[in-house]
C-alpha atoms as a PDB file:
ATOM      1  CA  MET A   1      -0.009   0.073   0.067  1.00  0.00           C
ATOM      2  CA  LYS A   2       1.373   3.394  -0.828  1.00  0.00           C
ATOM      3  CA  PHE A   3      -0.137   5.658   1.796  1.00  0.00           C
ATOM      4  CA  LYS A   4       3.028   7.720   2.191  1.00  0.00           C
ATOM      5  CA  SER A   5       2.974   9.808  -0.900  1.00  0.00           C
ATOM      6  CA  LYS A   6      -0.485  10.808  -0.281  1.00  0.00           C
ATOM      7  CA  LEU A   7      -0.020  11.736   3.383  1.00  0.00           C
ATOM      8  CA  MET A   8       3.276  13.567   3.060  1.00  0.00           C
ATOM      9  CA  GLY A   9       2.064  15.414  -0.014  1.00  0.00           C
ATOM     10  CA  ALA A  10      -0.468  17.209   2.041  1.00  0.00           C
ATOM     11  CA  VAL A  11       2.190  18.642   4.367  1.00  0.00           C
ATOM     12  CA  ALA A  12       5.034  19.052   1.877  1.00  0.00           C
ATOM     13  CA  GLY A  13       6.994  22.082   2.691  1.00  0.00           C
ATOM     14  CA  ALA A  14       5.330  22.579   6.043  1.00  0.00           C
ATOM     15  CA  ALA A  15       8.579  22.731   8.001  1.00  0.00           C
ATOM     16  CA  MET A  16       9.213  26.143   6.312  1.00  0.00           C
ATOM     17  CA  LEU A  17       6.168  27.665   7.812  1.00  0.00           C
ATOM     18  CA  THR A  18       6.845  30.986   9.423  1.00  0.00           C
ATOM     19  CA  GLY A  19       4.476  32.766  12.013  1.00  0.00           C
ATOM     20  CA  ALA A  20       2.011  35.026  10.360  1.00  0.00           C
ATOM     21  CA  GLN A  21       1.637  38.663  11.642  1.00  0.00           C
ATOM     22  CA  ALA A  22      -1.211  39.585  13.908  1.00  0.00           C
ATOM     23  CA  SER A  23      -4.005  41.229  12.003  1.00  0.00           C
ATOM     24  CA  ALA A  24      -7.514  42.457  12.432  1.00  0.00           C
ATOM     25  CA  GLU A  25      -8.795  39.082  11.219  1.00  0.00           C
ATOM     26  CA  ILE A  26      -8.159  35.386  12.007  1.00  0.00           C
ATOM     27  CA  THR A  27      -9.106  32.472   9.887  1.00  0.00           C
ATOM     28  CA  VAL A  28     -10.373  29.380  11.638  1.00  0.00           C
ATOM     29  CA  ALA A  29     -10.924  25.978  10.106  1.00  0.00           C
ATOM     30  CA  TYR A  30     -13.840  23.768  11.214  1.00  0.00           C
ATOM     31  CA  PHE A  31     -16.091  20.831  10.074  1.00  0.00           C
ATOM     32  CA  LEU A  32     -19.602  20.920   8.778  1.00  0.00           C
ATOM     33  CA  GLU A  33     -21.935  18.147  10.167  1.00  0.00           C
ATOM     34  CA  TRP A  34     -19.911  18.180  13.353  1.00  0.00           C
ATOM     35  CA  PRO A  35     -22.077  19.928  15.824  1.00  0.00           C
ATOM     36  CA  MET A  36     -20.343  21.407  18.901  1.00  0.00           C
ATOM     37  CA  PRO A  37     -21.164  24.165  21.468  1.00  0.00           C
ATOM     38  CA  PHE A  38     -18.653  26.536  20.034  1.00  0.00           C
ATOM     39  CA  GLU A  39     -21.007  26.846  17.083  1.00  0.00           C
ATOM     40  CA  TYR A  40     -23.568  28.570  19.244  1.00  0.00           C
ATOM     41  CA  ALA A  41     -20.937  31.276  20.097  1.00  0.00           C
ATOM     42  CA  LYS A  42     -20.010  31.368  16.485  1.00  0.00           C
ATOM     43  CA  GLN A  43     -23.502  32.165  15.516  1.00  0.00           C
ATOM     44  CA  MET A  44     -23.981  34.704  18.283  1.00  0.00           C
ATOM     45  CA  GLY A  45     -20.833  36.595  17.275  1.00  0.00           C
ATOM     46  CA  THR A  46     -19.227  35.961  20.695  1.00  0.00           C
ATOM     47  CA  TYR A  47     -15.733  35.251  19.288  1.00  0.00           C
ATOM     48  CA  GLU A  48     -15.616  38.633  17.361  1.00  0.00           C
ATOM     49  CA  GLU A  49     -16.707  40.387  20.548  1.00  0.00           C
ATOM     50  CA  ALA A  50     -14.123  38.648  22.741  1.00  0.00           C
ATOM     51  CA  LEU A  51     -11.253  38.965  20.245  1.00  0.00           C
ATOM     52  CA  GLY A  52     -12.005  42.493  19.031  1.00  0.00           C
ATOM     53  CA  MET A  53     -11.536  41.297  15.536  1.00  0.00           C
ATOM     54  CA  ASP A  54     -13.268  39.538  12.675  1.00  0.00           C
ATOM     55  CA  VAL A  55     -13.170  35.704  12.516  1.00  0.00           C
ATOM     56  CA  ASN A  56     -13.273  34.115   9.072  1.00  0.00           C
ATOM     57  CA  TRP A  57     -14.567  30.505   9.477  1.00  0.00           C
ATOM     58  CA  VAL A  58     -13.686  28.089   6.692  1.00  0.00           C
ATOM     59  CA  SER A  59     -15.015  24.515   6.465  1.00  0.00           C
ATOM     60  CA  PHE A  60     -12.765  21.558   5.552  1.00  0.00           C
ATOM     61  CA  GLU A  61     -13.323  17.895   4.733  1.00  0.00           C
ATOM     62  CA  SER A  62     -10.503  16.499   6.724  1.00  0.00           C
ATOM     63  CA  GLY A  63      -7.851  17.217   9.319  1.00  0.00           C
ATOM     64  CA  VAL A  64      -5.110  16.535   6.750  1.00  0.00           C
ATOM     65  CA  LYS A  65      -6.457  19.412   4.596  1.00  0.00           C
ATOM     66  CA  MET A  66      -6.405  21.660   7.722  1.00  0.00           C
ATOM     67  CA  SER A  67      -2.689  20.876   8.304  1.00  0.00           C
ATOM     68  CA  ALA A  68      -2.029  21.924   4.743  1.00  0.00           C
ATOM     69  CA  ALA A  69      -3.948  25.185   5.094  1.00  0.00           C
ATOM     70  CA  MET A  70      -2.177  25.945   8.338  1.00  0.00           C
ATOM     71  CA  ALA A  71       1.215  25.089   6.514  1.00  0.00           C
ATOM     72  CA  SER A  72       0.340  27.768   3.794  1.00  0.00           C
ATOM     73  CA  GLY A  73      -0.581  30.342   6.412  1.00  0.00           C
ATOM     74  CA  ASP A  74      -4.165  30.434   5.217  1.00  0.00           C
ATOM     75  CA  VAL A  75      -5.506  29.203   8.466  1.00  0.00           C
ATOM     76  CA  HIS A  76      -4.434  30.279  11.868  1.00  0.00           C
ATOM     77  CA  LEU A  77      -6.428  27.924  14.147  1.00  0.00           C
ATOM     78  CA  SER A  78      -8.051  24.558  13.466  1.00  0.00           C
ATOM     79  CA  LEU A  79     -11.063  23.752  15.751  1.00  0.00           C
ATOM     80  CA  SER A  80     -11.613  20.036  16.047  1.00  0.00           C
ATOM     81  CA  GLN A  81      -8.644  18.725  14.083  1.00  0.00           C
ATOM     82  CA  GLY A  82      -8.297  14.995  14.587  1.00  0.00           C
ATOM     83  CA  VAL A  83      -5.128  13.813  16.487  1.00  0.00           C
ATOM     84  CA  PRO A  84      -3.926  11.398  13.805  1.00  0.00           C
ATOM     85  CA  PRO A  85      -3.649  14.110  10.983  1.00  0.00           C
ATOM     86  CA  PHE A  86      -2.026  16.428  13.580  1.00  0.00           C
ATOM     87  CA  VAL A  87       0.536  13.623  14.263  1.00  0.00           C
ATOM     88  CA  VAL A  88       1.089  13.047  10.510  1.00  0.00           C
ATOM     89  CA  ALA A  89       1.926  16.737  10.030  1.00  0.00           C
ATOM     90  CA  THR A  90       4.174  17.155  13.123  1.00  0.00           C
ATOM     91  CA  SER A  91       6.036  13.971  12.386  1.00  0.00           C
ATOM     92  CA  ALA A  92       6.755  15.449   8.933  1.00  0.00           C
ATOM     93  CA  GLY A  93       8.288  18.552  10.456  1.00  0.00           C
ATOM     94  CA  GLN A  94       5.294  20.917  10.532  1.00  0.00           C
ATOM     95  CA  ASP A  95       5.582  23.105  13.565  1.00  0.00           C
ATOM     96  CA  LEU A  96       2.053  22.817  14.937  1.00  0.00           C
ATOM     97  CA  GLN A  97       0.898  22.881  18.569  1.00  0.00           C
ATOM     98  CA  ILE A  98      -2.176  21.303  20.365  1.00  0.00           C
ATOM     99  CA  LEU A  99      -3.931  24.107  22.306  1.00  0.00           C
ATOM    100  CA  ASP A 100      -6.930  22.321  23.836  1.00  0.00           C
ATOM    101  CA  VAL A 101      -9.001  19.132  23.695  1.00  0.00           C
ATOM    102  CA  ALA A 102     -11.897  20.000  21.553  1.00  0.00           C
ATOM    103  CA  VAL A 103     -14.117  16.890  21.795  1.00  0.00           C
ATOM    104  CA  SER A 104     -13.928  13.159  22.649  1.00  0.00           C
ATOM    105  CA  TYR A 105     -16.143  10.972  20.452  1.00  0.00           C
ATOM    106  CA  ALA A 106     -15.372   7.225  20.350  1.00  0.00           C
ATOM    107  CA  ASP A 107     -18.797   6.399  18.926  1.00  0.00           C
ATOM    108  CA  ASN A 108     -18.742   9.082  16.163  1.00  0.00           C
ATOM    109  CA  ASP A 109     -15.731   7.853  14.220  1.00  0.00           C
ATOM    110  CA  ASN A 110     -15.777   4.334  12.951  1.00  0.00           C
ATOM    111  CA  CYS A 111     -15.813   1.828  10.102  1.00  0.00           C
ATOM    112  CA  VAL A 112     -18.837   0.256   8.665  1.00  0.00           C
ATOM    113  CA  VAL A 113     -19.099  -3.050   6.655  1.00  0.00           C
ATOM    114  CA  ARG A 114     -21.861  -3.519   3.952  1.00  0.00           C
ATOM    115  CA  SER A 115     -24.754  -5.434   5.482  1.00  0.00           C
ATOM    116  CA  GLU A 116     -24.927  -7.954   2.726  1.00  0.00           C
ATOM    117  CA  LEU A 117     -21.339  -9.300   3.504  1.00  0.00           C
ATOM    118  CA  GLU A 118     -22.536 -10.382   6.822  1.00  0.00           C
ATOM    119  CA  ILE A 119     -19.176  -9.619   8.515  1.00  0.00           C
ATOM    120  CA  ASP A 120     -19.045  -8.515  12.158  1.00  0.00           C
ATOM    121  CA  ALA A 121     -16.407  -8.889  15.075  1.00  0.00           C
ATOM    122  CA  SER A 122     -16.784 -12.750  14.966  1.00  0.00           C
ATOM    123  CA  ASN A 123     -15.463 -13.150  11.420  1.00  0.00           C
ATOM    124  CA  ALA A 124     -13.784  -9.903  10.620  1.00  0.00           C
ATOM    125  CA  GLY A 125     -10.853 -11.913   9.217  1.00  0.00           C
ATOM    126  CA  GLU A 126     -12.975 -12.160   5.992  1.00  0.00           C
ATOM    127  CA  LEU A 127     -12.337  -8.465   5.269  1.00  0.00           C
ATOM    128  CA  ALA A 128      -8.927  -9.479   3.695  1.00  0.00           C
ATOM    129  CA  GLY A 129      -8.905  -8.552   0.031  1.00  0.00           C
ATOM    130  CA  MET A 130     -11.967  -6.313   0.202  1.00  0.00           C
ATOM    131  CA  LYS A 131     -12.191  -2.671  -0.791  1.00  0.00           C
ATOM    132  CA  VAL A 132     -12.386   0.113   1.843  1.00  0.00           C
ATOM    133  CA  ALA A 133     -12.792   3.875   1.629  1.00  0.00           C
ATOM    134  CA  VAL A 134     -10.492   5.691   4.233  1.00  0.00           C
ATOM    135  CA  PRO A 135      -9.533   9.322   4.409  1.00  0.00           C
ATOM    136  CA  LEU A 136      -5.732   8.831   4.763  1.00  0.00           C
ATOM    137  CA  GLY A 137      -3.939  10.482   7.664  1.00  0.00           C
ATOM    138  CA  THR A 138      -7.075  11.110   9.751  1.00  0.00           C
ATOM    139  CA  ALA A 139      -8.493   9.679  12.933  1.00  0.00           C
ATOM    140  CA  ALA A 140     -10.526   7.276  10.778  1.00  0.00           C
ATOM    141  CA  HIS A 141      -7.387   6.002   9.259  1.00  0.00           C
ATOM    142  CA  TYR A 142      -5.729   5.346  12.514  1.00  0.00           C
ATOM    143  CA  GLY A 143      -8.943   3.592  13.835  1.00  0.00           C
ATOM    144  CA  PHE A 144      -9.113   1.503  10.674  1.00  0.00           C
ATOM    145  CA  LEU A 145      -5.424   0.390  11.090  1.00  0.00           C
ATOM    146  CA  SER A 146      -5.839  -0.289  14.749  1.00  0.00           C
ATOM    147  CA  GLN A 147      -9.038  -2.323  14.187  1.00  0.00           C
ATOM    148  CA  MET A 148      -7.544  -4.363  11.432  1.00  0.00           C
ATOM    149  CA  ASN A 149      -4.523  -4.985  13.699  1.00  0.00           C
ATOM    150  CA  HIS A 150      -6.811  -6.138  16.501  1.00  0.00           C
ATOM    151  CA  PHE A 151      -8.622  -8.525  14.127  1.00  0.00           C
ATOM    152  CA  GLY A 152      -5.361  -9.785  12.471  1.00  0.00           C
ATOM    153  CA  VAL A 153      -6.368  -8.481   9.048  1.00  0.00           C
ATOM    154  CA  ASP A 154      -3.368  -7.732   6.710  1.00  0.00           C
ATOM    155  CA  VAL A 155      -4.052  -4.132   5.458  1.00  0.00           C
ATOM    156  CA  SER A 156      -1.899  -4.874   2.572  1.00  0.00           C
ATOM    157  CA  SER A 157      -4.240  -7.477   1.215  1.00  0.00           C
ATOM    158  CA  MET A 158      -6.916  -4.901   1.025  1.00  0.00           C
ATOM    159  CA  ASP A 159      -7.829  -2.318  -1.711  1.00  0.00           C
ATOM    160  CA  VAL A 160      -7.557   0.884   0.385  1.00  0.00           C
ATOM    161  CA  VAL A 161      -8.972   3.998  -1.361  1.00  0.00           C
ATOM    162  CA  ASP A 162      -8.136   7.460  -0.033  1.00  0.00           C
ATOM    163  CA  MET A 163     -11.761   9.022   0.112  1.00  0.00           C
ATOM    164  CA  ASP A 164     -13.298  11.793   2.080  1.00  0.00           C
ATOM    165  CA  PRO A 165     -16.122  10.648   4.338  1.00  0.00           C
ATOM    166  CA  PRO A 166     -19.004  12.163   2.319  1.00  0.00           C
ATOM    167  CA  ASP A 167     -17.647  10.394  -0.800  1.00  0.00           C
ATOM    168  CA  GLY A 168     -17.075   7.201   1.115  1.00  0.00           C
ATOM    169  CA  ALA A 169     -20.736   7.298   2.347  1.00  0.00           C
ATOM    170  CA  ALA A 170     -21.994   7.713  -1.190  1.00  0.00           C
ATOM    171  CA  ALA A 171     -19.724   4.865  -2.367  1.00  0.00           C
ATOM    172  CA  ILE A 172     -20.947   2.317   0.296  1.00  0.00           C
ATOM    173  CA  ALA A 173     -24.587   3.373  -0.571  1.00  0.00           C
ATOM    174  CA  GLN A 174     -23.918   2.491  -4.293  1.00  0.00           C
ATOM    175  CA  GLY A 175     -22.225  -0.753  -3.397  1.00  0.00           C
ATOM    176  CA  ALA A 176     -18.921   0.408  -4.777  1.00  0.00           C
ATOM    177  CA  ILE A 177     -16.936  -0.381  -1.657  1.00  0.00           C
ATOM    178  CA  ASP A 178     -17.065  -3.039   1.032  1.00  0.00           C
ATOM    179  CA  MET A 179     -16.247  -0.933   3.972  1.00  0.00           C
ATOM    180  CA  PHE A 180     -16.411   2.788   4.840  1.00  0.00           C
ATOM    181  CA  CYS A 181     -14.383   4.541   7.477  1.00  0.00           C
ATOM    182  CA  GLY A 182     -15.248   8.027   8.636  1.00  0.00           C
ATOM    183  CA  TRP A 183     -17.149  10.269  10.985  1.00  0.00           C
ATOM    184  CA  GLY A 184     -20.159  12.589  11.657  1.00  0.00           C
ATOM    185  CA  GLY A 185     -23.085  12.857   9.120  1.00  0.00           C
ATOM    186  CA  SER A 186     -21.273  10.623   6.769  1.00  0.00           C
ATOM    187  CA  LEU A 187     -20.855   7.842   9.251  1.00  0.00           C
ATOM    188  CA  ARG A 188     -24.594   8.061  10.072  1.00  0.00           C
ATOM    189  CA  ARG A 189     -25.408   7.721   6.335  1.00  0.00           C
ATOM    190  CA  ALA A 190     -22.982   4.788   5.925  1.00  0.00           C
ATOM    191  CA  MET A 191     -24.627   2.926   8.747  1.00  0.00           C
ATOM    192  CA  GLU A 192     -27.897   2.827   6.818  1.00  0.00           C
ATOM    193  CA  HIS A 193     -26.147   0.296   4.618  1.00  0.00           C
ATOM    194  CA  GLY A 194     -23.966  -1.624   7.073  1.00  0.00           C
ATOM    195  CA  ASN A 195     -22.817  -2.341  10.604  1.00  0.00           C
ATOM    196  CA  VAL A 196     -19.842  -1.242  12.755  1.00  0.00           C
ATOM    197  CA  LEU A 197     -17.217  -3.960  13.935  1.00  0.00           C
ATOM    198  CA  LEU A 198     -16.672  -2.430  17.318  1.00  0.00           C
ATOM    199  CA  THR A 199     -18.563   0.010  19.457  1.00  0.00           C
ATOM    200  CA  GLY A 200     -17.024   3.139  20.895  1.00  0.00           C
ATOM    201  CA  ASP A 201     -16.710   1.541  24.312  1.00  0.00           C
ATOM    202  CA  GLU A 202     -15.076  -1.510  22.749  1.00  0.00           C
ATOM    203  CA  LYS A 203     -12.616   0.520  20.952  1.00  0.00           C
ATOM    204  CA  THR A 204     -11.858   2.633  23.995  1.00  0.00           C
ATOM    205  CA  ALA A 205     -11.180  -0.606  26.021  1.00  0.00           C
ATOM    206  CA  LEU A 206      -8.522  -1.492  23.375  1.00  0.00           C
ATOM    207  CA  GLY A 207      -6.823   1.769  23.686  1.00  0.00           C
ATOM    208  CA  ILE A 208      -8.209   3.166  20.453  1.00  0.00           C
ATOM    209  CA  LEU A 209      -8.935   6.714  21.635  1.00  0.00           C
ATOM    210  CA  VAL A 210     -10.699   9.149  19.468  1.00  0.00           C
ATOM    211  CA  PHE A 211     -10.440  12.853  20.157  1.00  0.00           C
ATOM    212  CA  ASP A 212      -9.968  16.094  18.349  1.00  0.00           C
ATOM    213  CA  VAL A 213      -7.985  19.229  19.292  1.00  0.00           C
ATOM    214  CA  THR A 214      -7.721  22.912  18.641  1.00  0.00           C
ATOM    215  CA  SER A 215      -4.366  23.409  16.915  1.00  0.00           C
ATOM    216  CA  GLY A 216      -2.421  26.174  15.405  1.00  0.00           C
ATOM    217  CA  PRO A 217       1.090  26.919  13.874  1.00  0.00           C
ATOM    218  CA  ALA A 218       3.558  27.484  16.757  1.00  0.00           C
ATOM    219  CA  GLY A 219       4.991  30.545  15.347  1.00  0.00           C
ATOM    220  CA  TRP A 220       1.534  32.298  15.031  1.00  0.00           C
ATOM    221  CA  VAL A 221       0.549  31.046  18.509  1.00  0.00           C
ATOM    222  CA  ALA A 222       3.720  32.470  20.083  1.00  0.00           C
ATOM    223  CA  GLU A 223       3.034  35.931  18.448  1.00  0.00           C
ATOM    224  CA  ASN A 224      -0.712  35.978  19.251  1.00  0.00           C
ATOM    225  CA  GLY A 225      -0.858  34.207  22.654  1.00  0.00           C
ATOM    226  CA  ASP A 226      -3.505  36.656  24.069  1.00  0.00           C
ATOM    227  CA  THR A 227      -5.748  36.247  21.124  1.00  0.00           C
ATOM    228  CA  VAL A 228      -5.423  32.487  21.345  1.00  0.00           C
ATOM    229  CA  ALA A 229      -6.360  32.504  25.083  1.00  0.00           C
ATOM    230  CA  LYS A 230      -9.382  34.631  24.451  1.00  0.00           C
ATOM    231  CA  PHE A 231     -10.523  32.340  21.677  1.00  0.00           C
ATOM    232  CA  LEU A 232     -10.052  29.242  23.931  1.00  0.00           C
ATOM    233  CA  LYS A 233     -12.028  30.977  26.681  1.00  0.00           C
ATOM    234  CA  VAL A 234     -15.142  31.587  24.456  1.00  0.00           C
ATOM    235  CA  THR A 235     -14.973  27.828  23.394  1.00  0.00           C
ATOM    236  CA  ALA A 236     -14.648  26.688  27.025  1.00  0.00           C
ATOM    237  CA  ASP A 237     -17.509  28.904  28.047  1.00  0.00           C
ATOM    238  CA  ALA A 238     -19.726  27.506  25.181  1.00  0.00           C
ATOM    239  CA  ASN A 239     -18.951  23.996  26.505  1.00  0.00           C
ATOM    240  CA  ALA A 240     -19.745  24.940  29.945  1.00  0.00           C
ATOM    241  CA  MET A 241     -23.053  26.538  28.938  1.00  0.00           C
ATOM    242  CA  TRP A 242     -23.896  23.349  26.961  1.00  0.00           C
ATOM    243  CA  ALA A 243     -23.127  21.193  29.991  1.00  0.00           C
ATOM    244  CA  ASP A 244     -26.120  22.743  31.766  1.00  0.00           C
ATOM    245  CA  GLU A 245     -29.103  21.128  30.226  1.00  0.00           C
ATOM    246  CA  ALA A 246     -31.339  24.175  30.903  1.00  0.00           C
ATOM    247  CA  ASN A 247     -29.510  25.920  28.161  1.00  0.00           C
ATOM    248  CA  GLN A 248     -29.590  23.220  25.476  1.00  0.00           C
ATOM    249  CA  ALA A 249     -33.033  24.048  23.992  1.00  0.00           C
ATOM    250  CA  GLU A 250     -31.758  27.615  23.350  1.00  0.00           C
ATOM    251  CA  MET A 251     -28.395  26.509  21.983  1.00  0.00           C
ATOM    252  CA  LEU A 252     -29.397  23.463  19.835  1.00  0.00           C
ATOM    253  CA  PRO A 253     -31.138  25.274  16.848  1.00  0.00           C
ATOM    254  CA  LEU A 254     -28.182  27.579  16.327  1.00  0.00           C
ATOM    255  CA  ILE A 255     -25.746  24.695  16.553  1.00  0.00           C
ATOM    256  CA  ALA A 256     -27.789  22.734  14.041  1.00  0.00           C
ATOM    257  CA  LYS A 257     -28.010  25.730  11.684  1.00  0.00           C
ATOM    258  CA  ASP A 258     -24.215  26.319  11.781  1.00  0.00           C
ATOM    259  CA  ALA A 259     -23.450  22.581  11.368  1.00  0.00           C
ATOM    260  CA  GLY A 260     -25.697  22.317   8.344  1.00  0.00           C
ATOM    261  CA  MET A 261     -28.011  19.757   9.966  1.00  0.00           C
ATOM    262  CA  ASP A 262     -31.527  19.332  11.157  1.00  0.00           C
ATOM    263  CA  VAL A 263     -32.142  19.601  14.894  1.00  0.00           C
ATOM    264  CA  ASP A 264     -32.886  15.901  15.503  1.00  0.00           C
ATOM    265  CA  ALA A 265     -29.644  14.751  13.728  1.00  0.00           C
ATOM    266  CA  THR A 266     -27.813  17.356  15.578  1.00  0.00           C
ATOM    267  CA  ALA A 267     -29.110  16.178  19.034  1.00  0.00           C
ATOM    268  CA  ALA A 268     -28.346  12.628  18.145  1.00  0.00           C
ATOM    269  CA  THR A 269     -24.798  13.466  17.159  1.00  0.00           C
ATOM    270  CA  ILE A 270     -23.847  15.799  19.976  1.00  0.00           C
ATOM    271  CA  ALA A 271     -25.226  13.170  22.454  1.00  0.00           C
ATOM    272  CA  THR A 272     -22.289  10.958  21.573  1.00  0.00           C
ATOM    273  CA  PHE A 273     -19.747  13.696  22.306  1.00  0.00           C
ATOM    274  CA  THR A 274     -17.837  14.643  25.482  1.00  0.00           C
ATOM    275  CA  PHE A 275     -16.368  18.083  26.147  1.00  0.00           C
ATOM    276  CA  PRO A 276     -13.782  18.060  28.818  1.00  0.00           C
ATOM    277  CA  THR A 277     -13.548  21.186  31.014  1.00  0.00           C
ATOM    278  CA  VAL A 278     -10.370  23.266  31.096  1.00  0.00           C
ATOM    279  CA  GLU A 279      -9.432  21.810  34.437  1.00  0.00           C
ATOM    280  CA  GLU A 280      -9.858  18.163  32.952  1.00  0.00           C
ATOM    281  CA  GLN A 281      -7.877  19.177  29.814  1.00  0.00           C
ATOM    282  CA  LEU A 282      -4.955  20.439  31.839  1.00  0.00           C
ATOM    283  CA  SER A 283      -4.911  17.195  33.984  1.00  0.00           C
ATOM    284  CA  ALA A 284      -2.670  14.135  33.459  1.00  0.00           C
ATOM    285  CA  ALA A 285      -5.451  12.417  31.836  1.00  0.00           C
ATOM    286  CA  TRP A 286      -5.320  14.671  28.815  1.00  0.00           C
ATOM    287  CA  LEU A 287      -2.764  17.423  27.987  1.00  0.00           C
ATOM    288  CA  GLY A 288      -0.910  16.958  31.255  1.00  0.00           C
ATOM    289  CA  GLY A 289       0.711  13.721  29.779  1.00  0.00           C
ATOM    290  CA  ASN A 290      -1.586  11.074  28.488  1.00  0.00           C
ATOM    291  CA  ALA A 291      -2.198  12.911  25.101  1.00  0.00           C
ATOM    292  CA  GLN A 292       1.524  13.076  24.384  1.00  0.00           C
ATOM    293  CA  GLY A 293       2.000   9.335  25.046  1.00  0.00           C
ATOM    294  CA  PHE A 294      -1.093   8.668  22.912  1.00  0.00           C
ATOM    295  CA  MET A 295       0.299  10.698  20.023  1.00  0.00           C
ATOM    296  CA  LYS A 296       3.522   8.615  20.105  1.00  0.00           C
ATOM    297  CA  GLY A 297       1.431   5.510  19.897  1.00  0.00           C
ATOM    298  CA  VAL A 298      -0.495   6.795  16.845  1.00  0.00           C
ATOM    299  CA  ALA A 299       2.699   7.809  15.095  1.00  0.00           C
ATOM    300  CA  ASP A 300       4.193   4.303  15.699  1.00  0.00           C
ATOM    301  CA  VAL A 301       1.015   2.666  14.240  1.00  0.00           C
ATOM    302  CA  PHE A 302       1.340   4.846  11.127  1.00  0.00           C
ATOM    303  CA  VAL A 303       5.102   4.027  10.823  1.00  0.00           C
ATOM    304  CA  GLY A 304       4.331   0.313  11.185  1.00  0.00           C
ATOM    305  CA  ALA A 305       1.753   0.627   8.362  1.00  0.00           C
ATOM    306  CA  GLY A 306       4.154   2.457   6.031  1.00  0.00           C
ATOM    307  CA  ALA A 307       2.084   5.603   6.235  1.00  0.00           C
ATOM    308  CA  ILE A 308       4.855   7.928   7.332  1.00  0.00           C
ATOM    309  CA  ASP A 309       8.582   7.793   7.328  1.00  0.00           C
ATOM    310  CA  ALA A 310       9.252   8.055  11.112  1.00  0.00           C
ATOM    311  CA  ALA A 311       7.850   9.166  14.435  1.00  0.00           C
ATOM    312  CA  LEU A 312       9.237  11.817  16.601  1.00  0.00           C
ATOM    313  CA  ASP A 313      11.110  10.714  19.724  1.00  0.00           C
ATOM    314  CA  SER A 314       8.580  12.681  21.800  1.00  0.00           C
ATOM    315  CA  TYR A 315       5.368  14.755  21.213  1.00  0.00           C
ATOM    316  CA  GLU A 316       5.773  16.885  24.272  1.00  0.00           C
ATOM    317  CA  SER A 317       6.748  20.006  22.385  1.00  0.00           C
ATOM    318  CA  ALA A 318       3.641  19.561  20.183  1.00  0.00           C
ATOM    319  CA  VAL A 319       1.274  20.529  23.070  1.00  0.00           C
ATOM    320  CA  ASN A 320       1.205  24.135  24.404  1.00  0.00           C
ATOM    321  CA  THR A 321      -1.008  24.486  27.554  1.00  0.00           C
ATOM    322  CA  GLY A 322      -0.039  28.188  28.300  1.00  0.00           C
ATOM    323  CA  PRO A 323      -3.002  29.709  26.360  1.00  0.00           C
ATOM    324  CA  LEU A 324      -5.410  27.287  27.820  1.00  0.00           C
ATOM    325  CA  ALA A 325      -4.157  27.929  31.304  1.00  0.00           C
ATOM    326  CA  ASP A 326      -4.446  31.684  30.646  1.00  0.00           C
ATOM    327  CA  ALA A 327      -8.062  31.135  29.423  1.00  0.00           C
ATOM    328  CA  GLY A 328      -8.928  29.236  32.612  1.00  0.00           C
ATOM    329  CA  SER A 329      -7.952  32.204  34.691  1.00  0.00           C
ATOM    330  CA  MET A 330      -9.870  34.731  32.729  1.00  0.00           C
END
């Protein structure tokens, strides 16, 4: 399998990235069909009010494309970038930093096998030789590799096609592929045509964690620390507001509108999400140590699969908790 050229092409030249100068506007990457509390604040103009500048929000199809946009300087922050594409980029030399834990979602990123194949966890070995759509370098790619390793399926025996989740969902609906891997609305659509091999709880028990982060180029973050802290504060406040069920009826319609989803689908999706508090994020369970070790494990899986050349010795420097700590004291 030739993952490497596709993965590394997305971050080619990234190591030459220099910090962008502060301006009256920042550009933030996010996902459609990925409903989160921050979208309420986005719709209410709270970020602009807190930062004292315009925020240009741009939607992306994958975290790999977010990395490429940050490498070019077109994007300053990525809200809800998957850890695996972050690891791919930093392993290639792109100077990015994790700034917070955006969301944990073990049940909202998974692989789906077409129903007519009648393959589940009991006979997953039969996936050998089959065709699977996977967005390379993403959390879905990591989850796919980890699950195939767990089931003893030789990935090199499979026909792996690099495909964004919306395209993969359409392909499994058409019967053009045997298995889909992806997230969000695309995952829900794919599940209309198949079944998952492992639940979120089962994956977590195996150490297959699934969470996204807010990330940014280290140089830009260093030059704009106060702006970053204010941005993270707005996000944290929106998460805290959502945590109080009394606010959810007010927030849900705006979140749904921003995510490009109907209210029922938004409610069903966000119910599978967990939003750690600032205190939890700064603890050893997350950015205080565990996330760094997890990233090393993700990198080692990609190296073993031939997806990247090498892992870093450590991912400690890829986490910057300074702005988040400042946000917590605001």
